[in-house]
C-alpha atoms as a PDB file:
ATOM      1  CA  MET A   1      -6.665 -58.385  48.380  1.00  0.00           C
ATOM      2  CA  ASN A   2      -4.881 -57.458  45.006  1.00  0.00           C
ATOM      3  CA  PRO A   3      -1.467 -56.175  45.533  1.00  0.00           C
ATOM      4  CA  LEU A   4      -1.579 -54.000  42.399  1.00  0.00           C
ATOM      5  CA  GLN A   5      -4.686 -52.147  43.705  1.00  0.00           C
ATOM      6  CA  PRO A   6      -4.075 -49.315  46.078  1.00  0.00           C
ATOM      7  CA  SER A   7      -6.105 -49.215  49.064  1.00  0.00           C
ATOM      8  CA  GLY A   8      -7.074 -46.736  51.948  1.00  0.00           C
ATOM      9  CA  PRO A   9      -5.871 -43.057  51.859  1.00  0.00           C
ATOM     10  CA  SER A  10      -3.146 -43.771  49.373  1.00  0.00           C
ATOM     11  CA  GLY A  11      -5.728 -44.948  46.796  1.00  0.00           C
ATOM     12  CA  ARG A  12      -7.660 -41.919  47.079  1.00  0.00           C
ATOM     13  CA  LEU A  13      -4.450 -39.804  46.721  1.00  0.00           C
ATOM     14  CA  SER A  14      -3.371 -41.472  43.545  1.00  0.00           C
ATOM     15  CA  THR A  15      -6.876 -40.801  42.172  1.00  0.00           C
ATOM     16  CA  ARG A  16      -6.672 -37.287  43.051  1.00  0.00           C
ATOM     17  CA  PHE A  17      -3.252 -36.827  41.385  1.00  0.00           C
ATOM     18  CA  SER A  18      -4.534 -38.597  38.231  1.00  0.00           C
ATOM     19  CA  ARG A  19      -7.384 -35.902  38.148  1.00  0.00           C
ATOM     20  CA  VAL A  20      -4.849 -33.194  38.574  1.00  0.00           C
ATOM     21  CA  ASP A  21      -2.538 -34.707  35.977  1.00  0.00           C
ATOM     22  CA  LEU A  22      -5.520 -34.879  33.550  1.00  0.00           C
ATOM     23  CA  GLY A  23      -6.491 -31.249  34.305  1.00  0.00           C
ATOM     24  CA  VAL A  24      -2.845 -30.177  33.554  1.00  0.00           C
ATOM     25  CA  CYS A  25      -2.797 -32.241  30.354  1.00  0.00           C
ATOM     26  CA  VAL A  26      -6.166 -30.645  29.278  1.00  0.00           C
ATOM     27  CA  PHE A  27      -4.668 -27.201  30.019  1.00  0.00           C
ATOM     28  CA  CYS A  28      -1.419 -27.851  28.163  1.00  0.00           C
ATOM     29  CA  LEU A  29      -3.288 -29.242  25.178  1.00  0.00           C
ATOM     30  CA  ALA A  30      -5.627 -26.111  25.189  1.00  0.00           C
ATOM     31  CA  VAL A  31      -2.520 -23.806  25.338  1.00  0.00           C
ATOM     32  CA  ILE A  32      -0.893 -25.622  22.392  1.00  0.00           C
ATOM     33  CA  ILE A  33      -4.055 -25.421  20.429  1.00  0.00           C
ATOM     34  CA  THR A  34      -4.561 -21.785  21.095  1.00  0.00           C
ATOM     35  CA  ASN A  35      -0.828 -21.076  20.072  1.00  0.00           C
ATOM     36  CA  VAL A  36      -1.345 -22.878  16.875  1.00  0.00           C
ATOM     37  CA  TYR A  37      -4.503 -20.883  16.139  1.00  0.00           C
ATOM     38  CA  LEU A  38      -2.734 -17.557  17.057  1.00  0.00           C
ATOM     39  CA  VAL A  39       0.186 -18.400  14.684  1.00  0.00           C
ATOM     40  CA  ARG A  40      -2.063 -19.132  11.959  1.00  0.00           C
ATOM     41  CA  LEU A  41      -4.132 -16.051  12.546  1.00  0.00           C
ATOM     42  CA  ALA A  42      -0.947 -13.883  12.608  1.00  0.00           C
ATOM     43  CA  ARG A  43       0.168 -15.385   9.271  1.00  0.00           C
ATOM     44  CA  THR A  44      -3.134 -14.744   7.747  1.00  0.00           C
ATOM     45  CA  SER A  45      -3.144 -11.251   9.136  1.00  0.00           C
ATOM     46  CA  GLN A  46       0.189 -10.579   7.485  1.00  0.00           C
ATOM     47  CA  GLN A  47      -0.890 -12.014   4.177  1.00  0.00           C
ATOM     48  CA  ALA A  48      -4.214  -9.676   4.333  1.00  0.00           C
ATOM     49  CA  ALA A  49      -2.051  -6.749   5.226  1.00  0.00           C
ATOM     50  CA  ALA A  50       0.360  -7.448   2.234  1.00  0.00           C
ATOM     51  CA  SER A  51      -2.689  -7.771  -0.052  1.00  0.00           C
ATOM     52  CA  PHE A  52      -4.134  -4.726   1.295  1.00  0.00           C
ATOM     53  CA  ARG A  53      -0.954  -2.770   0.537  1.00  0.00           C
ATOM     54  CA  ARG A  54      -0.786  -4.311  -2.897  1.00  0.00           C
ATOM     55  CA  MET A  55      -4.403  -3.168  -3.440  1.00  0.00           C
ATOM     56  CA  LEU A  56      -3.673   0.332  -2.261  1.00  0.00           C
ATOM     57  CA  GLY A  57      -0.753   0.805  -4.757  1.00  0.00           C
ATOM     58  CA  ALA A  58       2.349  -0.419  -6.407  1.00  0.00           C
ATOM     59  CA  GLU A  59       4.853  -1.507  -3.913  1.00  0.00           C
ATOM     60  CA  ASP A  60       8.300  -0.040  -3.128  1.00  0.00           C
ATOM     61  CA  GLY A  61      11.094  -1.564  -5.346  1.00  0.00           C
ATOM     62  CA  THR A  62       8.611  -2.617  -8.072  1.00  0.00           C
ATOM     63  CA  ARG A  63      10.039  -1.631 -11.647  1.00  0.00           C
ATOM     64  CA  LEU A  64       7.010  -0.171 -13.517  1.00  0.00           C
ATOM     65  CA  PRO A  65       6.375  -0.337 -17.258  1.00  0.00           C
ATOM     66  CA  ALA A  66       5.205   2.357 -19.310  1.00  0.00           C
ATOM     67  CA  LEU A  67       1.797   4.058 -18.398  1.00  0.00           C
ATOM     68  CA  ASN A  68      -0.571   3.802 -21.393  1.00  0.00           C
ATOM     69  CA  GLY A  69      -3.621   5.771 -21.979  1.00  0.00           C
ATOM     70  CA  VAL A  70      -5.114   8.590 -23.955  1.00  0.00           C
ATOM     71  CA  ASP A  71      -4.650  12.540 -23.454  1.00  0.00           C
ATOM     72  CA  ALA A  72      -7.310  14.911 -23.043  1.00  0.00           C
ATOM     73  CA  GLY A  73      -7.684  15.054 -26.870  1.00  0.00           C
ATOM     74  CA  GLY A  74      -8.114  11.394 -27.248  1.00  0.00           C
ATOM     75  CA  LYS A  75      -4.745  10.780 -28.613  1.00  0.00           C
ATOM     76  CA  GLU A  76      -2.914   7.433 -27.536  1.00  0.00           C
ATOM     77  CA  ILE A  77       0.142   8.055 -25.320  1.00  0.00           C
ATOM     78  CA  SER A  78       2.596   6.015 -23.494  1.00  0.00           C
ATOM     79  CA  ILE A  79       4.785   7.547 -20.750  1.00  0.00           C
ATOM     80  CA  SER A  80       7.839   5.589 -19.663  1.00  0.00           C
ATOM     81  CA  ALA A  81       8.227   5.251 -15.900  1.00  0.00           C
ATOM     82  CA  ALA A  82      12.024   5.616 -16.411  1.00  0.00           C
ATOM     83  CA  SER A  83      13.250   9.078 -17.139  1.00  0.00           C
ATOM     84  CA  ASP A  84      16.371  11.209 -16.725  1.00  0.00           C
ATOM     85  CA  ARG A  85      14.917  12.333 -13.151  1.00  0.00           C
ATOM     86  CA  PRO A  86      12.430  11.088 -10.588  1.00  0.00           C
ATOM     87  CA  THR A  87       8.804  11.125 -11.742  1.00  0.00           C
ATOM     88  CA  PHE A  88       5.687  11.770  -9.656  1.00  0.00           C
ATOM     89  CA  PHE A  89       2.311  10.302 -10.758  1.00  0.00           C
ATOM     90  CA  PHE A  90      -0.494  12.107  -9.262  1.00  0.00           C
ATOM     91  CA  VAL A  91      -3.607  10.060  -9.530  1.00  0.00           C
ATOM     92  CA  PHE A  92      -6.929  11.792  -9.175  1.00  0.00           C
ATOM     93  CA  SER A  93     -10.659  11.941 -10.127  1.00  0.00           C
ATOM     94  CA  PRO A  94     -12.420  15.274 -10.882  1.00  0.00           C
ATOM     95  CA  ASP A  95     -15.197  14.373  -8.621  1.00  0.00           C
ATOM     96  CA  CYS A  96     -12.945  13.289  -5.666  1.00  0.00           C
ATOM     97  CA  GLY A  97     -13.399  15.675  -2.749  1.00  0.00           C
ATOM     98  CA  PHE A  98     -10.114  14.296  -1.240  1.00  0.00           C
ATOM     99  CA  CYS A  99      -8.243  15.079  -4.541  1.00  0.00           C
ATOM    100  CA  GLU A 100      -9.389  18.445  -4.135  1.00  0.00           C
ATOM    101  CA  SER A 101      -8.163  18.714  -0.508  1.00  0.00           C
ATOM    102  CA  ASN A 102      -4.799  17.111  -1.809  1.00  0.00           C
ATOM    103  CA  TRP A 103      -4.278  19.593  -4.661  1.00  0.00           C
ATOM    104  CA  PRO A 104      -2.513  22.222  -2.683  1.00  0.00           C
ATOM    105  CA  MET A 105       0.168  19.622  -1.499  1.00  0.00           C
ATOM    106  CA  TRP A 106       0.730  18.457  -5.092  1.00  0.00           C
ATOM    107  CA  ASP A 107       1.141  21.915  -6.050  1.00  0.00           C
ATOM    108  CA  ASN A 108       3.652  22.524  -3.273  1.00  0.00           C
ATOM    109  CA  VAL A 109       5.698  19.499  -4.504  1.00  0.00           C
ATOM    110  CA  VAL A 110       5.436  20.699  -8.163  1.00  0.00           C
ATOM    111  CA  HIS A 111       6.772  24.207  -7.070  1.00  0.00           C
ATOM    112  CA  ALA A 112       9.358  22.909  -4.695  1.00  0.00           C
ATOM    113  CA  LEU A 113      11.135  20.551  -7.090  1.00  0.00           C
ATOM    114  CA  GLY A 114      10.578  22.362 -10.348  1.00  0.00           C
ATOM    115  CA  ASP A 115      12.690  20.822 -13.138  1.00  0.00           C
ATOM    116  CA  ARG A 116      14.314  18.326 -10.743  1.00  0.00           C
ATOM    117  CA  ALA A 117      11.438  15.973 -11.019  1.00  0.00           C
ATOM    118  CA  ARG A 118       8.874  15.027 -13.781  1.00  0.00           C
ATOM    119  CA  PHE A 119       5.218  15.269 -12.976  1.00  0.00           C
ATOM    120  CA  VAL A 120       2.447  13.203 -14.582  1.00  0.00           C
ATOM    121  CA  PHE A 121      -1.198  13.694 -13.838  1.00  0.00           C
ATOM    122  CA  VAL A 122      -3.365  10.579 -14.110  1.00  0.00           C
ATOM    123  CA  GLY A 123      -7.175  10.923 -14.286  1.00  0.00           C
ATOM    124  CA  LEU A 124      -9.037   7.889 -13.232  1.00  0.00           C
ATOM    125  CA  THR A 125     -12.281   9.378 -14.244  1.00  0.00           C
ATOM    126  CA  PRO A 126     -11.797  10.975 -17.849  1.00  0.00           C
ATOM    127  CA  PHE A 127     -14.895  13.195 -17.297  1.00  0.00           C
ATOM    128  CA  LEU A 128     -13.672  16.773 -17.071  1.00  0.00           C
ATOM    129  CA  ALA A 129     -10.094  15.765 -16.079  1.00  0.00           C
ATOM    130  CA  ASP A 130      -8.481  18.187 -18.291  1.00  0.00           C
ATOM    131  CA  HIS A 131     -10.571  21.106 -17.059  1.00  0.00           C
ATOM    132  CA  PHE A 132      -9.727  19.885 -13.459  1.00  0.00           C
ATOM    133  CA  VAL A 133      -6.026  20.150 -14.095  1.00  0.00           C
ATOM    134  CA  ALA A 134      -6.376  23.462 -15.998  1.00  0.00           C
ATOM    135  CA  SER A 135      -8.569  24.891 -13.243  1.00  0.00           C
ATOM    136  CA  HIS A 136      -5.737  24.382 -10.630  1.00  0.00           C
ATOM    137  CA  GLY A 137      -3.144  26.373 -12.793  1.00  0.00           C
ATOM    138  CA  ILE A 138      -0.984  23.302 -13.855  1.00  0.00           C
ATOM    139  CA  ALA A 139      -0.518  23.514 -17.445  1.00  0.00           C
ATOM    140  CA  GLY A 140       2.043  21.855 -19.698  1.00  0.00           C
ATOM    141  CA  LYS A 141       2.398  18.772 -17.762  1.00  0.00           C
ATOM    142  CA  PRO A 142       1.291  15.311 -19.060  1.00  0.00           C
ATOM    143  CA  LEU A 143      -2.082  14.352 -18.531  1.00  0.00           C
ATOM    144  CA  LEU A 144      -3.241  10.813 -19.051  1.00  0.00           C
ATOM    145  CA  ILE A 145      -6.977   9.772 -18.944  1.00  0.00           C
ATOM    146  CA  GLY A 146      -8.714   6.396 -20.104  1.00  0.00           C
ATOM    147  CA  ILE A 147      -5.841   4.328 -18.702  1.00  0.00           C
ATOM    148  CA  GLN A 148      -5.471   0.967 -20.316  1.00  0.00           C
ATOM    149  CA  PRO A 149      -6.475  -2.125 -18.175  1.00  0.00           C
ATOM    150  CA  ALA A 150      -3.040  -3.364 -18.180  1.00  0.00           C
ATOM    151  CA  SER A 151      -1.531  -0.177 -16.894  1.00  0.00           C
ATOM    152  CA  ARG A 152      -4.157   0.087 -14.217  1.00  0.00           C
ATOM    153  CA  TYR A 153      -3.325  -3.331 -12.977  1.00  0.00           C
ATOM    154  CA  SER A 154       0.594  -2.604 -13.072  1.00  0.00           C
ATOM    155  CA  TYR A 155       0.231   0.653 -11.268  1.00  0.00           C
ATOM    156  CA  SER A 156      -2.518  -0.584  -9.048  1.00  0.00           C
ATOM    157  CA  LEU A 157      -4.665   2.309  -9.916  1.00  0.00           C
ATOM    158  CA  LYS A 158      -7.829   1.793  -7.969  1.00  0.00           C
ATOM    159  CA  PHE A 159      -8.223   4.721  -5.470  1.00  0.00           C
ATOM    160  CA  THR A 160      -7.764   8.393  -5.506  1.00  0.00           C
ATOM    161  CA  PRO A 161      -5.927  10.454  -4.541  1.00  0.00           C
ATOM    162  CA  GLN A 162      -2.655   8.509  -4.867  1.00  0.00           C
ATOM    163  CA  THR A 163       0.894   9.755  -5.241  1.00  0.00           C
ATOM    164  CA  ILE A 164       3.483   7.509  -6.641  1.00  0.00           C
ATOM    165  CA  LEU A 165       7.164   8.357  -6.711  1.00  0.00           C
ATOM    166  CA  VAL A 166       9.272   6.544  -9.242  1.00  0.00           C
ATOM    167  CA  ASP A 167      13.152   6.979  -9.617  1.00  0.00           C
ATOM    168  CA  ALA A 168      15.006   7.594 -12.757  1.00  0.00           C
ATOM    169  CA  LYS A 169      15.248   3.841 -13.362  1.00  0.00           C
ATOM    170  CA  GLY A 170      11.398   3.335 -13.324  1.00  0.00           C
ATOM    171  CA  ILE A 171      11.521   1.740  -9.713  1.00  0.00           C
ATOM    172  CA  VAL A 172       8.820   2.803  -7.206  1.00  0.00           C
ATOM    173  CA  ARG A 173      10.377   4.592  -4.245  1.00  0.00           C
ATOM    174  CA  GLY A 174       7.097   5.564  -2.586  1.00  0.00           C
ATOM    175  CA  VAL A 175       3.359   5.338  -2.684  1.00  0.00           C
ATOM    176  CA  TRP A 176       1.001   7.531  -0.698  1.00  0.00           C
ATOM    177  CA  SER A 177      -2.662   6.905  -0.718  1.00  0.00           C
ATOM    178  CA  GLY A 178      -5.175   9.656   0.676  1.00  0.00           C
ATOM    179  CA  VAL A 179      -4.644  13.228   1.424  1.00  0.00           C
ATOM    180  CA  LEU A 180      -0.984  14.144   1.996  1.00  0.00           C
ATOM    181  CA  GLU A 181       0.207  15.567   5.290  1.00  0.00           C
ATOM    182  CA  THR A 182       3.215  17.855   6.042  1.00  0.00           C
ATOM    183  CA  LYS A 183       5.246  14.861   6.873  1.00  0.00           C
ATOM    184  CA  ASP A 184       4.395  13.206   3.507  1.00  0.00           C
ATOM    185  CA  PHE A 185       5.429  16.328   1.800  1.00  0.00           C
ATOM    186  CA  GLN A 186       8.835  16.251   3.530  1.00  0.00           C
ATOM    187  CA  ALA A 187       9.208  12.473   2.801  1.00  0.00           C
ATOM    188  CA  LEU A 188       8.456  13.142  -0.845  1.00  0.00           C
ATOM    189  CA  ILE A 189      11.114  15.983  -1.182  1.00  0.00           C
ATOM    190  CA  GLY A 190      13.648  13.885   0.771  1.00  0.00           C
ATOM    191  CA  LYS A 191      13.129  10.754  -1.312  1.00  0.00           C
ATOM    192  CA  THR A 192      13.411  12.870  -4.437  1.00  0.00           C
ATOM    193  CA  ARG A 193      16.568  14.515  -3.552  1.00  0.00           C
ATOM    194  CA  GLU A 194      18.284  11.221  -2.429  1.00  0.00           C
ATOM    195  CA  ASN A 195      16.626   9.026  -5.089  1.00  0.00           C
ATOM    196  CA  VAL A 196      16.677   6.220  -2.691  1.00  0.00           C
ATOM    197  CA  PRO A 197      14.153   4.844  -0.282  1.00  0.00           C
ATOM    198  CA  VAL A 198      14.076   6.514   3.152  1.00  0.00           C
ATOM    199  CA  PRO A 199      13.915   3.894   5.998  1.00  0.00           C
END
């Protein structure tokens, strides 16, 4: 009889323990692999969310260059993001139903702030943009259409409606995509008065 070979019930018991040990090891390995997968998935999701935010618009804290395009008369113009006061860029398309729904809120912002802010209307679709602005009773405000590709990229102008608030130094203080709600209106007014980001 080999002294190193267990015999009898203790031999069966050690075989059972080794199967349990093997099961525990397999379970632990599965847990580790699952955790590694979930960590990678979370990182990928965070990166995707950041990319999506960048896709939706310029990010808070970004210093914007001048916005270049043409006005309704076809004249090339450049509007500096920096000014002596905060600037709102209202981005729209005349054929956008959500822009039409958003217009009353933009109108409220214009009337609530008056001369304390500057308002620039940015038409992503040049067709009838000037008539669209005129039909809503907002005359005398800068209107850019035919935005140059570099400006589209810098301002991330891809969707309408979009509301971009820039402080007097040309730094983005807020970006709202889609139709504004009452809470958004309050945030717009609050950020303009404080001229700093609201946490």
